[in-house]
Amino acid sequence: MTFELDDLKLSVVPEENVGADLDARIRDGLCACFPADAGVFSKTRVWHGSVPTWSVVLEAPDKSVVSHAEVVDRTIRVGEIQTRVAGVGACSCGPRIGGGGCVIT
């Protein structure tokens, strides 16, 4: 399937709103990107105990997840100060979009 970047849908989804269907589509993408870890990703998106707070999902018109990144909410200590930060959990960029310019820095 060929598509243009303008055809893609970008969503930020709180974890409590990630239903079984979206979860399965994200895991499919993770399995495709990381075949050595497909045994883990075929069952869960939780990597090393880090449950995502939000998922940023890029979907094709056919609803397949072509790219995604999970955001993990953390509190860390810097010296004596505690501060809240966002970390990046599991992420994937499938072969249909890899190198296609979906990330702009």
PDB file of N, CA and C in Angstrom:
ATOM      1  N   MET A   1       0.846  -1.183   0.000  1.00  0.00           N
ATOM      2  CA  MET A   1       0.000   0.000   0.000  1.00  0.00           C
ATOM      3  C   MET A   1       0.885   1.238   0.000  1.00  0.00           C
ATOM      4  N   THR A   2       0.576   2.164  -0.869  1.00  0.00           N
ATOM      5  CA  THR A   2       1.299   3.423  -0.945  1.00  0.00           C
ATOM      6  C   THR A   2       0.402   4.531  -0.412  1.00  0.00           C
ATOM      7  N   PHE A   3       1.006   5.468   0.326  1.00  0.00           N
ATOM      8  CA  PHE A   3       0.233   6.583   0.846  1.00  0.00           C
ATOM      9  C   PHE A   3       1.143   7.784   0.985  1.00  0.00           C
ATOM     10  N   GLU A   4       0.531   8.934   1.106  1.00  0.00           N
ATOM     11  CA  GLU A   4       1.245  10.189   1.313  1.00  0.00           C
ATOM     12  C   GLU A   4       1.211  10.535   2.794  1.00  0.00           C
ATOM     13  N   LEU A   5       2.170  11.313   3.255  1.00  0.00           N
ATOM     14  CA  LEU A   5       2.186  11.710   4.661  1.00  0.00           C
ATOM     15  C   LEU A   5       0.902  12.432   5.058  1.00  0.00           C
ATOM     16  N   ASP A   6       0.312  13.183   4.138  1.00  0.00           N
ATOM     17  CA  ASP A   6      -0.940  13.887   4.436  1.00  0.00           C
ATOM     18  C   ASP A   6      -2.098  12.927   4.703  1.00  0.00           C
ATOM     19  N   ASP A   7      -1.969  11.671   4.278  1.00  0.00           N
ATOM     20  CA  ASP A   7      -3.028  10.682   4.483  1.00  0.00           C
ATOM     21  C   ASP A   7      -2.976  10.051   5.873  1.00  0.00           C
ATOM     22  N   LEU A   8      -1.904  10.309   6.624  1.00  0.00           N
ATOM     23  CA  LEU A   8      -1.713   9.652   7.911  1.00  0.00           C
ATOM     24  C   LEU A   8      -2.410  10.425   9.031  1.00  0.00           C
ATOM     25  N   LYS A   9      -2.845   9.688  10.035  1.00  0.00           N
ATOM     26  CA  LYS A   9      -3.530  10.290  11.185  1.00  0.00           C
ATOM     27  C   LYS A   9      -2.615  10.177  12.400  1.00  0.00           C
ATOM     28  N   LEU A  10      -2.317  11.312  13.019  1.00  0.00           N
ATOM     29  CA  LEU A  10      -1.486  11.361  14.221  1.00  0.00           C
ATOM     30  C   LEU A  10      -2.382  11.553  15.432  1.00  0.00           C
ATOM     31  N   SER A  11      -2.219  10.679  16.440  1.00  0.00           N
ATOM     32  CA  SER A  11      -3.030  10.754  17.650  1.00  0.00           C
ATOM     33  C   SER A  11      -2.150  10.594  18.876  1.00  0.00           C
ATOM     34  N   VAL A  12      -2.507  11.308  19.941  1.00  0.00           N
ATOM     35  CA  VAL A  12      -1.908  11.096  21.253  1.00  0.00           C
ATOM     36  C   VAL A  12      -3.003  10.454  22.099  1.00  0.00           C
ATOM     37  N   VAL A  13      -2.749   9.219  22.532  1.00  0.00           N
ATOM     38  CA  VAL A  13      -3.785   8.428  23.186  1.00  0.00           C
ATOM     39  C   VAL A  13      -3.370   8.107  24.621  1.00  0.00           C
ATOM     40  N   PRO A  14      -4.136   8.591  25.624  1.00  0.00           N
ATOM     41  CA  PRO A  14      -3.851   8.184  27.006  1.00  0.00           C
ATOM     42  C   PRO A  14      -3.978   6.663  27.128  1.00  0.00           C
ATOM     43  N   GLU A  15      -3.130   6.061  27.946  1.00  0.00           N
ATOM     44  CA  GLU A  15      -3.106   4.602  28.055  1.00  0.00           C
ATOM     45  C   GLU A  15      -4.469   4.007  28.378  1.00  0.00           C
ATOM     46  N   GLU A  16      -5.244   4.687  29.223  1.00  0.00           N
ATOM     47  CA  GLU A  16      -6.558   4.134  29.580  1.00  0.00           C
ATOM     48  C   GLU A  16      -7.525   4.104  28.389  1.00  0.00           C
ATOM     49  N   ASN A  17      -7.197   4.812  27.307  1.00  0.00           N
ATOM     50  CA  ASN A  17      -8.034   4.816  26.109  1.00  0.00           C
ATOM     51  C   ASN A  17      -7.515   3.906  25.005  1.00  0.00           C
ATOM     52  N   VAL A  18      -6.402   3.213  25.258  1.00  0.00           N
ATOM     53  CA  VAL A  18      -5.874   2.268  24.270  1.00  0.00           C
ATOM     54  C   VAL A  18      -6.665   0.965  24.413  1.00  0.00           C
ATOM     55  N   GLY A  19      -7.566   0.742  23.492  1.00  0.00           N
ATOM     56  CA  GLY A  19      -8.377  -0.477  23.532  1.00  0.00           C
ATOM     57  C   GLY A  19      -7.614  -1.675  22.992  1.00  0.00           C
ATOM     58  N   ALA A  20      -8.267  -2.822  23.034  1.00  0.00           N
ATOM     59  CA  ALA A  20      -7.628  -4.068  22.600  1.00  0.00           C
ATOM     60  C   ALA A  20      -7.210  -4.012  21.129  1.00  0.00           C
ATOM     61  N   ASP A  21      -8.027  -3.387  20.278  1.00  0.00           N
ATOM     62  CA  ASP A  21      -7.713  -3.319  18.852  1.00  0.00           C
ATOM     63  C   ASP A  21      -6.458  -2.489  18.600  1.00  0.00           C
ATOM     64  N   LEU A  22      -6.391  -1.278  19.162  1.00  0.00           N
ATOM     65  CA  LEU A  22      -5.217  -0.431  18.973  1.00  0.00           C
ATOM     66  C   LEU A  22      -3.984  -1.079  19.602  1.00  0.00           C
ATOM     67  N   ASP A  23      -4.144  -1.663  20.778  1.00  0.00           N
ATOM     68  CA  ASP A  23      -3.034  -2.353  21.433  1.00  0.00           C
ATOM     69  C   ASP A  23      -2.459  -3.434  20.506  1.00  0.00           C
ATOM     70  N   ALA A  24      -3.334  -4.222  19.893  1.00  0.00           N
ATOM     71  CA  ALA A  24      -2.881  -5.294  18.991  1.00  0.00           C
ATOM     72  C   ALA A  24      -2.171  -4.725  17.766  1.00  0.00           C
ATOM     73  N   ARG A  25      -2.685  -3.623  17.223  1.00  0.00           N
ATOM     74  CA  ARG A  25      -2.054  -3.019  16.035  1.00  0.00           C
ATOM     75  C   ARG A  25      -0.683  -2.436  16.381  1.00  0.00           C
ATOM     76  N   ILE A  26      -0.541  -1.841  17.561  1.00  0.00           N
ATOM     77  CA  ILE A  26       0.771  -1.339  17.999  1.00  0.00           C
ATOM     78  C   ILE A  26       1.731  -2.513  18.187  1.00  0.00           C
ATOM     79  N   ARG A  27       1.265  -3.574  18.841  1.00  0.00           N
ATOM     80  CA  ARG A  27       2.124  -4.744  19.069  1.00  0.00           C
ATOM     81  C   ARG A  27       2.542  -5.388  17.753  1.00  0.00           C
ATOM     82  N   ASP A  28       1.654  -5.403  16.756  1.00  0.00           N
ATOM     83  CA  ASP A  28       2.020  -5.919  15.433  1.00  0.00           C
ATOM     84  C   ASP A  28       3.196  -5.134  14.858  1.00  0.00           C
ATOM     85  N   GLY A  29       3.126  -3.816  14.999  1.00  0.00           N
ATOM     86  CA  GLY A  29       4.224  -2.976  14.507  1.00  0.00           C
ATOM     87  C   GLY A  29       5.519  -3.224  15.249  1.00  0.00           C
ATOM     88  N   LEU A  30       5.434  -3.383  16.568  1.00  0.00           N
ATOM     89  CA  LEU A  30       6.626  -3.676  17.363  1.00  0.00           C
ATOM     90  C   LEU A  30       7.230  -5.019  16.966  1.00  0.00           C
ATOM     91  N   CYS A  31       6.392  -6.012  16.741  1.00  0.00           N
ATOM     92  CA  CYS A  31       6.890  -7.338  16.325  1.00  0.00           C
ATOM     93  C   CYS A  31       7.586  -7.251  14.969  1.00  0.00           C
ATOM     94  N   ALA A  32       7.037  -6.453  14.053  1.00  0.00           N
ATOM     95  CA  ALA A  32       7.645  -6.304  12.731  1.00  0.00           C
ATOM     96  C   ALA A  32       8.995  -5.594  12.818  1.00  0.00           C
ATOM     97  N   CYS A  33       9.092  -4.603  13.693  1.00  0.00           N
ATOM     98  CA  CYS A  33      10.336  -3.835  13.827  1.00  0.00           C
ATOM     99  C   CYS A  33      11.394  -4.560  14.646  1.00  0.00           C
ATOM    100  N   PHE A  34      10.957  -5.370  15.590  1.00  0.00           N
ATOM    101  CA  PHE A  34      11.873  -6.051  16.511  1.00  0.00           C
ATOM    102  C   PHE A  34      11.569  -7.551  16.547  1.00  0.00           C
ATOM    103  N   PRO A  35      11.851  -8.265  15.450  1.00  0.00           N
ATOM    104  CA  PRO A  35      11.497  -9.687  15.393  1.00  0.00           C
ATOM    105  C   PRO A  35      12.157 -10.525  16.488  1.00  0.00           C
ATOM    106  N   ALA A  36      13.321 -10.139  16.954  1.00  0.00           N
ATOM    107  CA  ALA A  36      13.985 -10.892  18.020  1.00  0.00           C
ATOM    108  C   ALA A  36      13.198 -10.815  19.332  1.00  0.00           C
ATOM    109  N   ASP A  37      12.379  -9.777  19.488  1.00  0.00           N
ATOM    110  CA  ASP A  37      11.587  -9.592  20.699  1.00  0.00           C
ATOM    111  C   ASP A  37      10.096  -9.833  20.464  1.00  0.00           C
ATOM    112  N   ALA A  38       9.773 -10.467  19.346  1.00  0.00           N
ATOM    113  CA  ALA A  38       8.367 -10.705  19.005  1.00  0.00           C
ATOM    114  C   ALA A  38       7.667 -11.557  20.062  1.00  0.00           C
ATOM    115  N   GLY A  39       8.396 -12.418  20.742  1.00  0.00           N
ATOM    116  CA  GLY A  39       7.795 -13.230  21.801  1.00  0.00           C
ATOM    117  C   GLY A  39       7.238 -12.384  22.923  1.00  0.00           C
ATOM    118  N   VAL A  40       7.897 -11.266  23.211  1.00  0.00           N
ATOM    119  CA  VAL A  40       7.417 -10.333  24.239  1.00  0.00           C
ATOM    120  C   VAL A  40       6.311  -9.453  23.664  1.00  0.00           C
ATOM    121  N   PHE A  41       6.591  -8.800  22.528  1.00  0.00           N
ATOM    122  CA  PHE A  41       5.650  -7.830  21.975  1.00  0.00           C
ATOM    123  C   PHE A  41       4.377  -8.474  21.442  1.00  0.00           C
ATOM    124  N   SER A  42       4.386  -9.766  21.155  1.00  0.00           N
ATOM    125  CA  SER A  42       3.145 -10.409  20.721  1.00  0.00           C
ATOM    126  C   SER A  42       2.148 -10.505  21.875  1.00  0.00           C
ATOM    127  N   LYS A  43       2.647 -10.354  23.104  1.00  0.00           N
ATOM    128  CA  LYS A  43       1.788 -10.458  24.290  1.00  0.00           C
ATOM    129  C   LYS A  43       1.551  -9.122  24.997  1.00  0.00           C
ATOM    130  N   THR A  44       2.554  -8.222  24.968  1.00  0.00           N
ATOM    131  CA  THR A  44       2.459  -6.984  25.748  1.00  0.00           C
ATOM    132  C   THR A  44       3.319  -5.882  25.133  1.00  0.00           C
ATOM    133  N   ARG A  45       2.941  -4.632  25.412  1.00  0.00           N
ATOM    134  CA  ARG A  45       3.767  -3.482  25.032  1.00  0.00           C
ATOM    135  C   ARG A  45       4.634  -3.022  26.203  1.00  0.00           C
ATOM    136  N   VAL A  46       4.432  -3.601  27.375  1.00  0.00           N
ATOM    137  CA  VAL A  46       5.202  -3.210  28.565  1.00  0.00           C
ATOM    138  C   VAL A  46       6.619  -3.745  28.416  1.00  0.00           C
ATOM    139  N   TRP A  47       7.575  -2.850  28.393  1.00  0.00           N
ATOM    140  CA  TRP A  47       8.975  -3.206  28.187  1.00  0.00           C
ATOM    141  C   TRP A  47       9.738  -2.949  29.478  1.00  0.00           C
ATOM    142  N   HIS A  48      10.325  -3.969  30.035  1.00  0.00           N
ATOM    143  CA  HIS A  48      11.096  -3.866  31.283  1.00  0.00           C
ATOM    144  C   HIS A  48      10.280  -3.218  32.398  1.00  0.00           C
ATOM    145  N   GLY A  49       8.992  -3.522  32.445  1.00  0.00           N
ATOM    146  CA  GLY A  49       8.141  -3.028  33.514  1.00  0.00           C
ATOM    147  C   GLY A  49       7.645  -1.602  33.349  1.00  0.00           C
ATOM    148  N   SER A  50       7.983  -0.952  32.245  1.00  0.00           N
ATOM    149  CA  SER A  50       7.567   0.438  32.026  1.00  0.00           C
ATOM    150  C   SER A  50       6.241   0.482  31.275  1.00  0.00           C
ATOM    151  N   VAL A  51       5.187   0.808  31.997  1.00  0.00           N
ATOM    152  CA  VAL A  51       3.863   0.934  31.389  1.00  0.00           C
ATOM    153  C   VAL A  51       3.734   2.348  30.833  1.00  0.00           C
ATOM    154  N   PRO A  52       3.351   2.486  29.569  1.00  0.00           N
ATOM    155  CA  PRO A  52       3.229   3.829  29.007  1.00  0.00           C
ATOM    156  C   PRO A  52       2.088   4.624  29.637  1.00  0.00           C
ATOM    157  N   THR A  53       2.280   5.943  29.688  1.00  0.00           N
ATOM    158  CA  THR A  53       1.233   6.847  30.137  1.00  0.00           C
ATOM    159  C   THR A  53       0.389   7.275  28.943  1.00  0.00           C
ATOM    160  N   TRP A  54       1.055   7.533  27.818  1.00  0.00           N
ATOM    161  CA  TRP A  54       0.412   7.890  26.549  1.00  0.00           C
ATOM    162  C   TRP A  54       1.128   7.161  25.432  1.00  0.00           C
ATOM    163  N   SER A  55       0.430   6.998  24.338  1.00  0.00           N
ATOM    164  CA  SER A  55       1.036   6.498  23.109  1.00  0.00           C
ATOM    165  C   SER A  55       0.776   7.518  22.013  1.00  0.00           C
ATOM    166  N   VAL A  56       1.816   7.834  21.271  1.00  0.00           N
ATOM    167  CA  VAL A  56       1.703   8.710  20.105  1.00  0.00           C
ATOM    168  C   VAL A  56       1.694   7.773  18.898  1.00  0.00           C
ATOM    169  N   VAL A  57       0.606   7.806  18.136  1.00  0.00           N
ATOM    170  CA  VAL A  57       0.373   6.802  17.104  1.00  0.00           C
ATOM    171  C   VAL A  57       0.168   7.481  15.752  1.00  0.00           C
ATOM    172  N   LEU A  58       0.851   6.966  14.739  1.00  0.00           N
ATOM    173  CA  LEU A  58       0.678   7.423  13.361  1.00  0.00           C
ATOM    174  C   LEU A  58       0.046   6.266  12.583  1.00  0.00           C
ATOM    175  N   GLU A  59      -1.191   6.494  12.117  1.00  0.00           N
ATOM    176  CA  GLU A  59      -1.946   5.436  11.445  1.00  0.00           C
ATOM    177  C   GLU A  59      -2.131   5.731   9.965  1.00  0.00           C
ATOM    178  N   ALA A  60      -2.070   4.663   9.163  1.00  0.00           N
ATOM    179  CA  ALA A  60      -2.366   4.741   7.739  1.00  0.00           C
ATOM    180  C   ALA A  60      -3.874   4.724   7.547  1.00  0.00           C
ATOM    181  N   PRO A  61      -4.345   5.067   6.348  1.00  0.00           N
ATOM    182  CA  PRO A  61      -5.795   5.027   6.101  1.00  0.00           C
ATOM    183  C   PRO A  61      -6.429   3.660   6.368  1.00  0.00           C
ATOM    184  N   ASP A  62      -5.652   2.577   6.251  1.00  0.00           N
ATOM    185  CA  ASP A  62      -6.199   1.241   6.525  1.00  0.00           C
ATOM    186  C   ASP A  62      -6.179   0.891   8.013  1.00  0.00           C
ATOM    187  N   LYS A  63      -5.862   1.871   8.867  1.00  0.00           N
ATOM    188  CA  LYS A  63      -5.816   1.746  10.330  1.00  0.00           C
ATOM    189  C   LYS A  63      -4.579   1.014  10.846  1.00  0.00           C
ATOM    190  N   SER A  64      -3.668   0.604   9.959  1.00  0.00           N
ATOM    191  CA  SER A  64      -2.438  -0.015  10.447  1.00  0.00           C
ATOM    192  C   SER A  64      -1.567   1.067  11.091  1.00  0.00           C
ATOM    193  N   VAL A  65      -0.856   0.678  12.134  1.00  0.00           N
ATOM    194  CA  VAL A  65       0.045   1.603  12.830  1.00  0.00           C
ATOM    195  C   VAL A  65       1.378   1.562  12.114  1.00  0.00           C
ATOM    196  N   VAL A  66       1.744   2.678  11.486  1.00  0.00           N
ATOM    197  CA  VAL A  66       3.006   2.714  10.748  1.00  0.00           C
ATOM    198  C   VAL A  66       4.149   3.238  11.598  1.00  0.00           C
ATOM    199  N   SER A  67       3.804   3.932  12.685  1.00  0.00           N
ATOM    200  CA  SER A  67       4.830   4.434  13.593  1.00  0.00           C
ATOM    201  C   SER A  67       4.173   4.749  14.929  1.00  0.00           C
ATOM    202  N   HIS A  68       4.948   4.595  15.996  1.00  0.00           N
ATOM    203  CA  HIS A  68       4.407   4.942  17.303  1.00  0.00           C
ATOM    204  C   HIS A  68       5.547   5.151  18.287  1.00  0.00           C
ATOM    205  N   ALA A  69       5.257   5.901  19.329  1.00  0.00           N
ATOM    206  CA  ALA A  69       6.183   6.081  20.450  1.00  0.00           C
ATOM    207  C   ALA A  69       5.362   6.126  21.722  1.00  0.00           C
ATOM    208  N   GLU A  70       5.879   5.481  22.748  1.00  0.00           N
ATOM    209  CA  GLU A  70       5.195   5.488  24.036  1.00  0.00           C
ATOM    210  C   GLU A  70       5.883   6.459  24.976  1.00  0.00           C
ATOM    211  N   VAL A  71       5.081   7.199  25.711  1.00  0.00           N
ATOM    212  CA  VAL A  71       5.591   8.182  26.667  1.00  0.00           C
ATOM    213  C   VAL A  71       5.362   7.627  28.067  1.00  0.00           C
ATOM    214  N   VAL A  72       6.417   7.665  28.865  1.00  0.00           N
ATOM    215  CA  VAL A  72       6.371   7.148  30.232  1.00  0.00           C
ATOM    216  C   VAL A  72       6.554   8.316  31.189  1.00  0.00           C
ATOM    217  N   ASP A  73       5.636   8.481  32.121  1.00  0.00           N
ATOM    218  CA  ASP A  73       5.685   9.554  33.123  1.00  0.00           C
ATOM    219  C   ASP A  73       6.544   9.083  34.295  1.00  0.00           C
ATOM    220  N   ARG A  74       7.561   9.847  34.623  1.00  0.00           N
ATOM    221  CA  ARG A  74       8.485   9.464  35.691  1.00  0.00           C
ATOM    222  C   ARG A  74       8.781  10.651  36.601  1.00  0.00           C
ATOM    223  N   THR A  75       9.084  10.352  37.834  1.00  0.00           N
ATOM    224  CA  THR A  75       9.626  11.342  38.760  1.00  0.00           C
ATOM    225  C   THR A  75      11.050  10.919  39.063  1.00  0.00           C
ATOM    226  N   ILE A  76      11.986  11.825  38.835  1.00  0.00           N
ATOM    227  CA  ILE A  76      13.392  11.523  39.088  1.00  0.00           C
ATOM    228  C   ILE A  76      13.946  12.496  40.124  1.00  0.00           C
ATOM    229  N   ARG A  77      15.065  12.135  40.676  1.00  0.00           N
ATOM    230  CA  ARG A  77      15.726  12.992  41.646  1.00  0.00           C
ATOM    231  C   ARG A  77      17.003  13.535  41.006  1.00  0.00           C
ATOM    232  N   VAL A  78      17.162  14.841  41.116  1.00  0.00           N
ATOM    233  CA  VAL A  78      18.382  15.515  40.674  1.00  0.00           C
ATOM    234  C   VAL A  78      18.960  16.168  41.917  1.00  0.00           C
ATOM    235  N   GLY A  79      19.979  15.544  42.491  1.00  0.00           N
ATOM    236  CA  GLY A  79      20.484  16.013  43.781  1.00  0.00           C
ATOM    237  C   GLY A  79      19.391  15.813  44.822  1.00  0.00           C
ATOM    238  N   GLU A  80      18.985  16.885  45.445  1.00  0.00           N
ATOM    239  CA  GLU A  80      17.932  16.824  46.469  1.00  0.00           C
ATOM    240  C   GLU A  80      16.548  17.155  45.917  1.00  0.00           C
ATOM    241  N   ILE A  81      16.490  17.487  44.641  1.00  0.00           N
ATOM    242  CA  ILE A  81      15.231  17.934  44.038  1.00  0.00           C
ATOM    243  C   ILE A  81      14.587  16.802  43.244  1.00  0.00           C
ATOM    244  N   GLN A  82      13.283  16.583  43.466  1.00  0.00           N
ATOM    245  CA  GLN A  82      12.523  15.656  42.646  1.00  0.00           C
ATOM    246  C   GLN A  82      11.825  16.446  41.553  1.00  0.00           C
ATOM    247  N   THR A  83      11.825  15.890  40.348  1.00  0.00           N
ATOM    248  CA  THR A  83      11.169  16.563  39.234  1.00  0.00           C
ATOM    249  C   THR A  83      10.491  15.536  38.341  1.00  0.00           C
ATOM    250  N   ARG A  84       9.431  15.950  37.726  1.00  0.00           N
ATOM    251  CA  ARG A  84       8.660  15.077  36.834  1.00  0.00           C
ATOM    252  C   ARG A  84       9.202  15.214  35.419  1.00  0.00           C
ATOM    253  N   VAL A  85       9.403  14.080  34.749  1.00  0.00           N
ATOM    254  CA  VAL A  85       9.910  14.080  33.375  1.00  0.00           C
ATOM    255  C   VAL A  85       9.111  13.084  32.541  1.00  0.00           C
ATOM    256  N   ALA A  86       9.228  13.220  31.251  1.00  0.00           N
ATOM    257  CA  ALA A  86       8.646  12.250  30.320  1.00  0.00           C
ATOM    258  C   ALA A  86       9.786  11.469  29.696  1.00  0.00           C
ATOM    259  N   GLY A  87       9.644  10.163  29.676  1.00  0.00           N
ATOM    260  CA  GLY A  87      10.628   9.306  29.029  1.00  0.00           C
ATOM    261  C   GLY A  87      10.001   8.625  27.827  1.00  0.00           C
ATOM    262  N   VAL A  88      10.834   8.159  26.927  1.00  0.00           N
ATOM    263  CA  VAL A  88      10.354   7.437  25.753  1.00  0.00           C
ATOM    264  C   VAL A  88      10.451   5.950  26.037  1.00  0.00           C
ATOM    265  N   GLY A  89       9.328   5.266  25.890  1.00  0.00           N
ATOM    266  CA  GLY A  89       9.302   3.817  26.054  1.00  0.00           C
ATOM    267  C   GLY A  89       9.499   3.153  24.701  1.00  0.00           C
ATOM    268  N   ALA A  90       8.798   2.075  24.460  1.00  0.00           N
ATOM    269  CA  ALA A  90       8.898   1.366  23.194  1.00  0.00           C
ATOM    270  C   ALA A  90       8.466   2.283  22.053  1.00  0.00           C
ATOM    271  N   CYS A  91       9.152   2.162  20.933  1.00  0.00           N
ATOM    272  CA  CYS A  91       8.756   2.923  19.750  1.00  0.00           C
ATOM    273  C   CYS A  91       9.032   2.078  18.518  1.00  0.00           C
ATOM    274  N   SER A  92       8.346   2.390  17.459  1.00  0.00           N
ATOM    275  CA  SER A  92       8.536   1.656  16.208  1.00  0.00           C
ATOM    276  C   SER A  92       8.247   2.564  15.025  1.00  0.00           C
ATOM    277  N   CYS A  93       8.882   2.243  13.921  1.00  0.00           N
ATOM    278  CA  CYS A  93       8.626   2.915  12.651  1.00  0.00           C
ATOM    279  C   CYS A  93       8.718   1.828  11.586  1.00  0.00           C
ATOM    280  N   GLY A  94       7.571   1.439  11.085  1.00  0.00           N
ATOM    281  CA  GLY A  94       7.517   0.315  10.156  1.00  0.00           C
ATOM    282  C   GLY A  94       8.191   0.593   8.829  1.00  0.00           C
ATOM    283  N   PRO A  95       8.484  -0.454   8.091  1.00  0.00           N
ATOM    284  CA  PRO A  95       9.210  -0.319   6.826  1.00  0.00           C
ATOM    285  C   PRO A  95       8.471   0.479   5.767  1.00  0.00           C
ATOM    286  N   ARG A  96       7.138   0.579   5.897  1.00  0.00           N
ATOM    287  CA  ARG A  96       6.388   1.349   4.881  1.00  0.00           C
ATOM    288  C   ARG A  96       6.642   2.840   5.025  1.00  0.00           C
ATOM    289  N   ILE A  97       7.089   3.296   6.188  1.00  0.00           N
ATOM    290  CA  ILE A  97       7.299   4.729   6.403  1.00  0.00           C
ATOM    291  C   ILE A  97       8.738   5.054   6.745  1.00  0.00           C
ATOM    292  N   GLY A  98       9.515   4.072   7.164  1.00  0.00           N
ATOM    293  CA  GLY A  98      10.912   4.310   7.553  1.00  0.00           C
ATOM    294  C   GLY A  98      11.669   5.035   6.451  1.00  0.00           C
ATOM    295  N   GLY A  99      12.329   6.112   6.827  1.00  0.00           N
ATOM    296  CA  GLY A  99      13.063   6.917   5.850  1.00  0.00           C
ATOM    297  C   GLY A  99      12.174   7.820   5.026  1.00  0.00           C
ATOM    298  N   GLY A 100      10.883   7.845   5.334  1.00  0.00           N
ATOM    299  CA  GLY A 100       9.937   8.629   4.546  1.00  0.00           C
ATOM    300  C   GLY A 100       9.715  10.036   5.042  1.00  0.00           C
ATOM    301  N   GLY A 101      10.454  10.450   6.071  1.00  0.00           N
ATOM    302  CA  GLY A 101      10.339  11.817   6.524  1.00  0.00           C
ATOM    303  C   GLY A 101       9.200  12.070   7.491  1.00  0.00           C
ATOM    304  N   CYS A 102       8.758  11.031   8.243  1.00  0.00           N
ATOM    305  CA  CYS A 102       7.662  11.251   9.194  1.00  0.00           C
ATOM    306  C   CYS A 102       8.162  11.905  10.476  1.00  0.00           C
ATOM    307  N   VAL A 103       9.476  11.962  10.669  1.00  0.00           N
ATOM    308  CA  VAL A 103      10.042  12.639  11.830  1.00  0.00           C
ATOM    309  C   VAL A 103      10.827  13.836  11.322  1.00  0.00           C
ATOM    310  N   ILE A 104      10.499  14.969  11.887  1.00  0.00           N
ATOM    311  CA  ILE A 104      11.193  16.206  11.506  1.00  0.00           C
ATOM    312  C   ILE A 104      11.911  16.730  12.733  1.00  0.00           C
ATOM    313  N   THR A 105      13.208  16.967  12.607  1.00  0.00           N
ATOM    314  CA  THR A 105      13.973  17.474  13.763  1.00  0.00           C
ATOM    315  C   THR A 105      14.385  18.904  13.534  1.00  0.00           C
TER     316      THR A 105
END
